[in-house]
Amino acid sequence: MKKILEVITHPVTYCNLLIIGVLIMIETFHTHAHYKMEMDVHGYCKQYEMNKPREIDEYDEYEDD
């Protein structure tokens, strides 16, 4: 029992648990942002300018026929 207590209270164990905890927290926030999509998580809209109307639409000329 004493050996287990020494391992659990060791600073390296604390550091590992802290790193894993932070990664889990970041992934939770990231997944939640994808689920809600209130923000552009990866910058796709900005990168491809999806929010701007298209100036040239290839299919508009075919819709009139």
Protein backbone atom coordinates (compact mmCIF):
# COMPACT_ATOMS: atom_id res chain seq x y z
CA MET A 1 0.00 0.00 0.00
CA LYS A 2 2.88 2.33 0.80
CA LYS A 3 4.42 1.74 -2.66
CA ILE A 4 1.12 2.60 -4.40
CA LEU A 5 0.83 5.78 -2.35
CA GLU A 6 4.38 6.76 -3.31
CA VAL A 7 3.64 6.25 -7.00
CA ILE A 8 0.36 8.20 -6.86
CA THR A 9 1.90 11.13 -4.99
CA HIS A 10 5.02 11.29 -7.16
CA PRO A 11 5.48 14.62 -9.06
CA VAL A 12 5.84 12.82 -12.41
CA THR A 13 2.42 11.23 -11.89
CA TYR A 14 0.94 14.65 -11.16
CA CYS A 15 2.54 16.04 -14.29
CA ASN A 16 1.21 13.20 -16.45
CA LEU A 17 -2.29 13.55 -15.02
CA LEU A 18 -2.17 17.30 -15.59
CA ILE A 19 -1.13 16.90 -19.23
CA ILE A 20 -3.78 14.24 -19.90
CA GLY A 21 -6.41 16.36 -18.15
CA VAL A 22 -5.58 19.43 -20.23
CA LEU A 23 -5.70 17.41 -23.48
CA ILE A 24 -9.09 15.94 -22.53
CA MET A 25 -10.39 19.42 -21.70
CA ILE A 26 -9.16 20.88 -25.02
CA GLU A 27 -10.68 17.99 -26.99
CA THR A 28 -13.99 18.42 -25.15
CA PHE A 29 -14.16 22.13 -25.98
CA HIS A 30 -13.11 21.47 -29.56
CA THR A 31 -15.73 18.76 -30.09
CA HIS A 32 -18.37 20.95 -28.47
CA ALA A 33 -17.48 23.79 -30.84
CA HIS A 34 -17.93 21.43 -33.80
CA TYR A 35 -21.25 20.26 -32.43
CA LYS A 36 -22.62 23.77 -31.93
CA MET A 37 -20.82 25.32 -34.95
CA GLU A 38 -21.24 28.80 -33.54
CA MET A 39 -17.69 29.55 -34.60
CA ASP A 40 -15.47 28.57 -37.49
CA VAL A 41 -13.38 26.01 -35.65
CA HIS A 42 -10.74 25.33 -38.30
CA GLY A 43 -11.03 28.51 -40.35
CA TYR A 44 -12.61 26.75 -43.33
CA CYS A 45 -15.11 29.54 -44.02
CA LYS A 46 -12.41 32.18 -43.94
CA GLN A 47 -9.98 30.07 -45.95
CA TYR A 48 -12.44 29.38 -48.75
CA GLU A 49 -14.46 32.58 -48.28
CA MET A 50 -17.69 30.61 -47.94
CA ASN A 51 -19.60 33.52 -46.46
CA LYS A 52 -19.08 35.75 -49.53
CA PRO A 53 -21.57 35.40 -52.35
CA ARG A 54 -20.14 33.83 -55.46
CA GLU A 55 -19.45 36.37 -58.17
CA ILE A 56 -19.63 33.86 -61.00
CA ASP A 57 -22.00 30.94 -60.83
CA GLU A 58 -21.41 28.37 -63.53
CA TYR A 59 -24.82 26.80 -63.13
CA ASP A 60 -26.92 29.97 -63.45
CA GLU A 61 -26.66 30.00 -67.23
CA TYR A 62 -27.89 26.40 -67.44
CA GLU A 63 -30.91 26.98 -65.20
CA ASP A 64 -32.52 29.34 -67.72
CA ASP A 65 -32.64 26.66 -70.45
